[in-house]
Amino acid sequence: MKPMKLTLLTPIGSWTYDDGDLVVVTTKDGSQGFMRNHLPTIVEVIPGPVRYRIPSSDQGGERWRVMVVSVGYAEVQADEVTVVVNAAEMPDTIDRERAERALKRSLEIYNDPETNDTRRTHARHAIRRAKARIDFHKRYVEQAES
């Protein structure tokens, strides 16, 4: 069976994979998965994991390539998913302590009564990104280490 190609585009780089059969992205409606021959569509992507399943020749075996992304969109074609986001990180590059510091700073800004609406909106987005990175680290890095 032909693979489902995944292309991940950010302002600072791009990655292409063509060895999997399922792409799962995080949307405001939850996780959505796409396999070959899916109807063309575009979905909004929110901060969270993008998962790419790679089948294995082992009985029922599979492995997953995972990364955490920020906001953007995914364009789905019959045999390809293109994810366009502001930022993407692989599991080995996420610094949980840095994400926790970013969350703390953003919450302080958001909860400060002196913060204007524009700055509060930016802080709300930063909170979502930091929480997504922390959750991703807990699930895909810490769990893999134990």
N, C-alpha and C. Protein backbone atom coordinates (compact mmCIF):
# COMPACT_ATOMS: atom_id res chain seq x y z
N MET A 1 0.84 -1.18 0.00
CA MET A 1 0.00 0.00 0.00
C MET A 1 0.88 1.24 0.00
N LYS A 2 0.49 2.22 -0.79
CA LYS A 2 1.26 3.45 -0.85
C LYS A 2 1.12 4.23 0.45
N PRO A 3 2.16 4.95 0.84
CA PRO A 3 2.12 5.69 2.10
C PRO A 3 1.29 6.97 2.01
N MET A 4 0.96 7.48 3.17
CA MET A 4 0.33 8.80 3.31
C MET A 4 1.46 9.76 3.62
N LYS A 5 1.72 10.69 2.76
CA LYS A 5 2.84 11.63 2.92
C LYS A 5 2.45 12.74 3.89
N LEU A 6 3.40 13.11 4.77
CA LEU A 6 3.23 14.22 5.69
C LEU A 6 4.29 15.26 5.40
N THR A 7 3.86 16.50 5.17
CA THR A 7 4.77 17.62 5.01
C THR A 7 4.43 18.62 6.10
N LEU A 8 5.43 19.01 6.87
CA LEU A 8 5.27 19.96 7.95
C LEU A 8 6.06 21.21 7.59
N LEU A 9 5.36 22.35 7.48
CA LEU A 9 5.98 23.60 7.08
C LEU A 9 5.92 24.62 8.21
N THR A 10 7.05 25.25 8.51
CA THR A 10 7.12 26.35 9.47
C THR A 10 7.91 27.48 8.82
N PRO A 11 7.90 28.67 9.40
CA PRO A 11 8.70 29.76 8.82
C PRO A 11 10.20 29.49 8.81
N ILE A 12 10.67 28.58 9.67
CA ILE A 12 12.13 28.36 9.72
C ILE A 12 12.57 27.01 9.18
N GLY A 13 11.66 26.20 8.71
CA GLY A 13 12.07 24.92 8.16
C GLY A 13 10.90 24.07 7.73
N SER A 14 11.23 22.95 7.09
CA SER A 14 10.19 22.03 6.66
C SER A 14 10.71 20.60 6.81
N TRP A 15 9.77 19.68 7.00
CA TRP A 15 10.08 18.26 7.14
C TRP A 15 9.08 17.50 6.28
N THR A 16 9.56 16.47 5.61
CA THR A 16 8.69 15.62 4.79
C THR A 16 8.94 14.16 5.15
N TYR A 17 7.85 13.44 5.34
CA TYR A 17 7.92 12.02 5.65
C TYR A 17 6.98 11.29 4.71
N ASP A 18 7.40 10.12 4.23
CA ASP A 18 6.53 9.37 3.34
C ASP A 18 6.59 7.87 3.63
N ASP A 19 6.66 7.54 4.93
CA ASP A 19 6.72 6.14 5.31
C ASP A 19 5.57 5.72 6.23
N GLY A 20 4.54 6.57 6.36
CA GLY A 20 3.44 6.28 7.27
C GLY A 20 2.12 6.09 6.55
N ASP A 21 1.10 5.74 7.34
CA ASP A 21 -0.21 5.51 6.75
C ASP A 21 -1.33 6.30 7.43
N LEU A 22 -1.00 7.07 8.48
CA LEU A 22 -2.01 7.82 9.20
C LEU A 22 -1.39 9.08 9.78
N VAL A 23 -2.06 10.22 9.59
CA VAL A 23 -1.64 11.49 10.18
C VAL A 23 -2.75 11.94 11.12
N VAL A 24 -2.39 12.27 12.37
CA VAL A 24 -3.35 12.74 13.36
C VAL A 24 -2.92 14.13 13.80
N VAL A 25 -3.83 15.10 13.67
CA VAL A 25 -3.55 16.48 14.08
C VAL A 25 -4.51 16.87 15.19
N THR A 26 -4.13 17.90 15.96
CA THR A 26 -4.96 18.40 17.04
C THR A 26 -5.75 19.60 16.54
N THR A 27 -7.07 19.54 16.65
CA THR A 27 -7.93 20.64 16.23
C THR A 27 -8.79 21.07 17.42
N LYS A 28 -9.51 22.17 17.26
CA LYS A 28 -10.35 22.61 18.38
C LYS A 28 -11.50 21.65 18.63
N ASP A 29 -11.78 20.75 17.69
CA ASP A 29 -12.81 19.73 17.87
C ASP A 29 -12.23 18.41 18.38
N GLY A 30 -10.92 18.39 18.69
CA GLY A 30 -10.26 17.18 19.14
C GLY A 30 -9.27 16.68 18.12
N SER A 31 -8.79 15.48 18.30
CA SER A 31 -7.84 14.90 17.35
C SER A 31 -8.59 14.43 16.11
N GLN A 32 -7.98 14.70 14.95
CA GLN A 32 -8.56 14.22 13.69
C GLN A 32 -7.49 13.47 12.92
N GLY A 33 -7.84 12.28 12.45
CA GLY A 33 -6.90 11.45 11.72
C GLY A 33 -7.26 11.36 10.25
N PHE A 34 -6.22 11.22 9.43
CA PHE A 34 -6.41 11.17 7.98
C PHE A 34 -5.57 10.05 7.39
N MET A 35 -6.23 9.22 6.58
CA MET A 35 -5.56 8.13 5.88
C MET A 35 -5.69 8.38 4.38
N ARG A 36 -5.03 7.51 3.58
CA ARG A 36 -5.10 7.64 2.12
C ARG A 36 -6.55 7.67 1.63
N ASN A 37 -6.74 8.36 0.55
CA ASN A 37 -8.03 8.48 -0.12
C ASN A 37 -9.04 9.30 0.68
N HIS A 38 -8.57 10.12 1.59
CA HIS A 38 -9.47 11.01 2.33
C HIS A 38 -9.93 12.12 1.38
N LEU A 39 -11.14 12.56 1.58
CA LEU A 39 -11.63 13.68 0.78
C LEU A 39 -10.79 14.92 1.07
N PRO A 40 -10.51 15.74 0.06
CA PRO A 40 -9.74 16.96 0.29
C PRO A 40 -10.46 17.86 1.31
N THR A 41 -9.69 18.39 2.24
CA THR A 41 -10.24 19.24 3.27
C THR A 41 -9.15 20.11 3.86
N ILE A 42 -9.56 21.12 4.59
CA ILE A 42 -8.64 21.97 5.34
C ILE A 42 -9.19 22.06 6.76
N VAL A 43 -8.30 21.85 7.76
CA VAL A 43 -8.72 21.94 9.16
C VAL A 43 -7.78 22.90 9.89
N GLU A 44 -8.34 23.57 10.89
CA GLU A 44 -7.56 24.44 11.75
C GLU A 44 -6.79 23.59 12.75
N VAL A 45 -5.50 23.87 12.90
CA VAL A 45 -4.65 23.16 13.85
C VAL A 45 -4.41 24.06 15.05
N ILE A 46 -4.53 23.49 16.25
CA ILE A 46 -4.27 24.24 17.48
C ILE A 46 -3.02 23.65 18.15
N PRO A 47 -2.44 24.34 19.12
CA PRO A 47 -1.25 23.81 19.78
C PRO A 47 -1.49 22.40 20.35
N GLY A 48 -0.60 21.50 19.99
CA GLY A 48 -0.71 20.13 20.43
C GLY A 48 0.10 19.22 19.54
N PRO A 49 -0.04 17.91 19.72
CA PRO A 49 0.77 16.97 18.94
C PRO A 49 0.25 16.75 17.53
N VAL A 50 1.20 16.48 16.64
CA VAL A 50 0.92 15.90 15.33
C VAL A 50 1.58 14.53 15.39
N ARG A 51 0.79 13.50 15.09
CA ARG A 51 1.30 12.13 15.16
C ARG A 51 1.22 11.50 13.78
N TYR A 52 2.25 10.71 13.46
CA TYR A 52 2.36 10.07 12.16
C TYR A 52 2.68 8.60 12.38
N ARG A 53 1.73 7.74 12.04
CA ARG A 53 1.89 6.30 12.29
C ARG A 53 2.69 5.65 11.16
N ILE A 54 3.68 4.86 11.58
CA ILE A 54 4.53 4.15 10.63
C ILE A 54 4.34 2.66 10.86
N PRO A 55 3.71 1.97 9.91
CA PRO A 55 3.48 0.53 10.09
C PRO A 55 4.81 -0.22 10.09
N SER A 56 4.80 -1.36 10.76
CA SER A 56 6.00 -2.19 10.84
C SER A 56 5.68 -3.56 10.27
N SER A 57 6.69 -4.23 9.80
CA SER A 57 6.48 -5.57 9.26
C SER A 57 6.24 -6.59 10.37
N ASP A 58 6.52 -6.21 11.62
CA ASP A 58 6.21 -7.09 12.75
C ASP A 58 4.70 -7.29 12.84
N GLN A 59 4.28 -8.38 13.41
CA GLN A 59 2.85 -8.66 13.54
C GLN A 59 2.16 -7.53 14.30
N GLY A 60 1.31 -6.79 13.62
CA GLY A 60 0.56 -5.72 14.25
C GLY A 60 1.43 -4.59 14.77
N GLY A 61 2.70 -4.58 14.37
CA GLY A 61 3.62 -3.57 14.88
C GLY A 61 3.43 -2.22 14.22
N GLU A 62 3.77 -1.22 14.96
CA GLU A 62 3.72 0.14 14.44
C GLU A 62 4.58 1.00 15.36
N ARG A 63 4.99 2.13 14.85
CA ARG A 63 5.62 3.14 15.70
C ARG A 63 5.08 4.49 15.26
N TRP A 64 5.28 5.46 16.10
CA TRP A 64 4.73 6.78 15.83
C TRP A 64 5.85 7.82 15.81
N ARG A 65 5.80 8.71 14.86
CA ARG A 65 6.67 9.89 14.83
C ARG A 65 5.79 11.02 15.36
N VAL A 66 6.23 11.70 16.41
CA VAL A 66 5.42 12.74 17.02
C VAL A 66 6.19 14.06 17.10
N MET A 67 5.45 15.15 17.03
CA MET A 67 6.01 16.47 17.21
C MET A 67 4.90 17.36 17.77
N VAL A 68 5.29 18.43 18.46
CA VAL A 68 4.30 19.37 18.97
C VAL A 68 4.35 20.60 18.09
N VAL A 69 3.16 21.13 17.75
CA VAL A 69 3.09 22.29 16.86
C VAL A 69 2.25 23.39 17.50
N SER A 70 2.39 24.57 16.93
CA SER A 70 1.58 25.71 17.37
C SER A 70 0.36 25.82 16.45
N VAL A 71 -0.18 26.99 16.31
CA VAL A 71 -1.39 27.18 15.50
C VAL A 71 -1.08 27.18 14.02
N GLY A 72 -2.08 26.83 13.23
CA GLY A 72 -1.94 26.83 11.78
C GLY A 72 -3.11 26.09 11.16
N TYR A 73 -2.81 25.41 10.07
CA TYR A 73 -3.85 24.63 9.40
C TYR A 73 -3.23 23.41 8.75
N ALA A 74 -4.08 22.44 8.42
CA ALA A 74 -3.65 21.25 7.70
C ALA A 74 -4.50 21.13 6.45
N GLU A 75 -3.82 20.95 5.33
CA GLU A 75 -4.51 20.72 4.06
C GLU A 75 -4.37 19.24 3.75
N VAL A 76 -5.52 18.59 3.56
CA VAL A 76 -5.55 17.15 3.32
C VAL A 76 -5.91 16.90 1.87
N GLN A 77 -5.08 16.10 1.20
CA GLN A 77 -5.36 15.63 -0.15
C GLN A 77 -5.44 14.10 -0.08
N ALA A 78 -5.71 13.46 -1.19
CA ALA A 78 -5.94 12.01 -1.21
C ALA A 78 -4.79 11.22 -0.60
N ASP A 79 -3.54 11.64 -0.85
CA ASP A 79 -2.41 10.86 -0.36
C ASP A 79 -1.36 11.72 0.34
N GLU A 80 -1.76 12.92 0.79
CA GLU A 80 -0.80 13.81 1.44
C GLU A 80 -1.51 14.76 2.41
N VAL A 81 -0.86 15.00 3.54
CA VAL A 81 -1.31 16.02 4.49
C VAL A 81 -0.17 17.03 4.62
N THR A 82 -0.51 18.29 4.39
CA THR A 82 0.45 19.37 4.57
C THR A 82 0.01 20.18 5.77
N VAL A 83 0.87 20.26 6.78
CA VAL A 83 0.58 21.00 8.01
C VAL A 83 1.43 22.27 7.98
N VAL A 84 0.76 23.42 8.02
CA VAL A 84 1.44 24.71 7.99
C VAL A 84 1.19 25.38 9.34
N VAL A 85 2.27 25.58 10.11
CA VAL A 85 2.15 26.11 11.47
C VAL A 85 3.24 27.15 11.73
N ASN A 86 3.04 27.93 12.78
CA ASN A 86 4.04 28.93 13.15
C ASN A 86 5.30 28.31 13.73
N ALA A 87 5.18 27.19 14.42
CA ALA A 87 6.34 26.54 15.03
C ALA A 87 6.08 25.06 15.22
N ALA A 88 7.16 24.28 15.22
CA ALA A 88 7.08 22.85 15.47
C ALA A 88 8.34 22.43 16.23
N GLU A 89 8.16 21.48 17.15
CA GLU A 89 9.29 20.98 17.92
C GLU A 89 9.22 19.47 18.00
N MET A 90 10.38 18.85 17.90
CA MET A 90 10.49 17.41 18.05
C MET A 90 10.66 17.11 19.54
N PRO A 91 10.31 15.90 19.97
CA PRO A 91 10.36 15.58 21.41
C PRO A 91 11.70 15.86 22.07
N ASP A 92 12.79 15.60 21.37
CA ASP A 92 14.10 15.77 22.00
C ASP A 92 14.55 17.22 22.12
N THR A 93 13.76 18.16 21.58
CA THR A 93 14.15 19.57 21.67
C THR A 93 13.32 20.36 22.67
N ILE A 94 12.34 19.72 23.29
CA ILE A 94 11.47 20.44 24.22
C ILE A 94 12.10 20.51 25.60
N ASP A 95 12.22 21.72 26.11
CA ASP A 95 12.75 21.97 27.44
C ASP A 95 11.55 22.25 28.35
N ARG A 96 11.20 21.27 29.18
CA ARG A 96 10.01 21.40 30.02
C ARG A 96 10.14 22.57 31.00
N GLU A 97 11.30 22.75 31.60
CA GLU A 97 11.47 23.85 32.54
C GLU A 97 11.26 25.20 31.87
N ARG A 98 11.76 25.33 30.66
CA ARG A 98 11.55 26.57 29.90
C ARG A 98 10.06 26.79 29.62
N ALA A 99 9.36 25.72 29.26
CA ALA A 99 7.92 25.82 29.00
C ALA A 99 7.17 26.20 30.27
N GLU A 100 7.58 25.66 31.40
CA GLU A 100 6.92 26.01 32.67
C GLU A 100 7.17 27.47 33.04
N ARG A 101 8.39 27.97 32.77
CA ARG A 101 8.67 29.39 33.02
C ARG A 101 7.81 30.27 32.10
N ALA A 102 7.67 29.86 30.85
CA ALA A 102 6.85 30.62 29.90
C ALA A 102 5.39 30.63 30.35
N LEU A 103 4.91 29.51 30.85
CA LEU A 103 3.54 29.43 31.35
C LEU A 103 3.35 30.38 32.53
N LYS A 104 4.27 30.36 33.46
CA LYS A 104 4.18 31.22 34.64
C LYS A 104 4.16 32.70 34.24
N ARG A 105 5.09 33.09 33.35
CA ARG A 105 5.15 34.49 32.88
C ARG A 105 3.85 34.89 32.19
N SER A 106 3.34 34.02 31.33
CA SER A 106 2.13 34.33 30.58
C SER A 106 0.92 34.45 31.49
N LEU A 107 0.84 33.57 32.50
CA LEU A 107 -0.28 33.66 33.45
C LEU A 107 -0.21 34.95 34.25
N GLU A 108 0.99 35.37 34.63
CA GLU A 108 1.14 36.64 35.36
C GLU A 108 0.66 37.81 34.51
N ILE A 109 1.05 37.83 33.26
CA ILE A 109 0.62 38.91 32.36
C ILE A 109 -0.89 38.87 32.18
N TYR A 110 -1.41 37.67 31.92
CA TYR A 110 -2.85 37.53 31.67
C TYR A 110 -3.68 37.97 32.88
N ASN A 111 -3.24 37.63 34.08
CA ASN A 111 -4.00 37.93 35.29
C ASN A 111 -3.76 39.33 35.86
N ASP A 112 -2.81 40.05 35.32
CA ASP A 112 -2.52 41.40 35.79
C ASP A 112 -3.65 42.35 35.36
N PRO A 113 -4.30 43.02 36.31
CA PRO A 113 -5.41 43.92 35.95
C PRO A 113 -4.95 45.10 35.07
N GLU A 114 -3.67 45.39 35.05
CA GLU A 114 -3.14 46.49 34.24
C GLU A 114 -2.88 46.09 32.79
N THR A 115 -2.97 44.80 32.49
CA THR A 115 -2.70 44.33 31.13
C THR A 115 -3.81 44.75 30.17
N ASN A 116 -3.40 45.33 29.02
CA ASN A 116 -4.40 45.74 28.03
C ASN A 116 -4.91 44.53 27.24
N ASP A 117 -5.96 44.73 26.47
CA ASP A 117 -6.61 43.62 25.76
C ASP A 117 -5.68 42.92 24.78
N THR A 118 -4.89 43.69 24.06
CA THR A 118 -3.99 43.08 23.07
C THR A 118 -2.96 42.21 23.75
N ARG A 119 -2.37 42.71 24.80
CA ARG A 119 -1.36 41.94 25.54
C ARG A 119 -1.99 40.72 26.21
N ARG A 120 -3.22 40.84 26.68
CA ARG A 120 -3.91 39.70 27.30
C ARG A 120 -4.17 38.62 26.24
N THR A 121 -4.54 39.02 25.03
CA THR A 121 -4.75 38.06 23.94
C THR A 121 -3.46 37.32 23.63
N HIS A 122 -2.34 38.04 23.55
CA HIS A 122 -1.04 37.41 23.30
C HIS A 122 -0.69 36.45 24.43
N ALA A 123 -0.97 36.86 25.66
CA ALA A 123 -0.68 35.99 26.81
C ALA A 123 -1.53 34.73 26.77
N ARG A 124 -2.80 34.85 26.37
CA ARG A 124 -3.68 33.68 26.28
C ARG A 124 -3.11 32.68 25.28
N HIS A 125 -2.63 33.16 24.14
CA HIS A 125 -2.03 32.26 23.14
C HIS A 125 -0.75 31.63 23.68
N ALA A 126 0.04 32.40 24.40
CA ALA A 126 1.28 31.87 24.98
C ALA A 126 0.97 30.80 26.03
N ILE A 127 -0.10 30.99 26.77
CA ILE A 127 -0.52 29.99 27.76
C ILE A 127 -0.88 28.69 27.06
N ARG A 128 -1.64 28.76 25.98
CA ARG A 128 -2.01 27.55 25.23
C ARG A 128 -0.78 26.83 24.70
N ARG A 129 0.17 27.60 24.14
CA ARG A 129 1.40 26.98 23.61
C ARG A 129 2.20 26.30 24.71
N ALA A 130 2.38 27.01 25.83
CA ALA A 130 3.17 26.44 26.93
C ALA A 130 2.51 25.18 27.50
N LYS A 131 1.20 25.22 27.69
CA LYS A 131 0.49 24.04 28.20
C LYS A 131 0.62 22.86 27.23
N ALA A 132 0.53 23.14 25.93
CA ALA A 132 0.65 22.07 24.93
C ALA A 132 2.05 21.46 24.98
N ARG A 133 3.08 22.29 25.13
CA ARG A 133 4.45 21.79 25.20
C ARG A 133 4.67 20.95 26.47
N ILE A 134 4.13 21.42 27.60
CA ILE A 134 4.27 20.68 28.86
C ILE A 134 3.55 19.35 28.77
N ASP A 135 2.30 19.35 28.29
CA ASP A 135 1.54 18.11 28.15
C ASP A 135 2.24 17.14 27.20
N PHE A 136 2.75 17.67 26.09
CA PHE A 136 3.47 16.85 25.12
C PHE A 136 4.70 16.21 25.78
N HIS A 137 5.44 17.01 26.53
CA HIS A 137 6.64 16.50 27.19
C HIS A 137 6.27 15.38 28.16
N LYS A 138 5.22 15.58 28.96
CA LYS A 138 4.79 14.55 29.90
C LYS A 138 4.43 13.25 29.18
N ARG A 139 3.71 13.38 28.08
CA ARG A 139 3.19 12.19 27.41
C ARG A 139 4.22 11.49 26.53
N TYR A 140 5.02 12.25 25.80
CA TYR A 140 5.89 11.63 24.80
C TYR A 140 7.36 11.57 25.18
N VAL A 141 7.79 12.39 26.14
CA VAL A 141 9.20 12.34 26.53
C VAL A 141 9.35 11.62 27.86
N GLU A 142 8.67 12.10 28.89
CA GLU A 142 8.80 11.48 30.21
C GLU A 142 8.31 10.04 30.21
N GLN A 143 7.20 9.79 29.54
CA GLN A 143 6.65 8.43 29.50
C GLN A 143 7.60 7.49 28.77
N ALA A 144 8.25 7.99 27.72
CA ALA A 144 9.19 7.16 26.96
C ALA A 144 10.44 6.86 27.79
N GLU A 145 10.80 7.77 28.70
CA GLU A 145 11.99 7.58 29.53
C GLU A 145 11.76 6.57 30.65
N SER A 146 10.49 6.39 31.04
CA SER A 146 10.23 5.47 32.16
C SER A 146 9.92 4.07 31.71
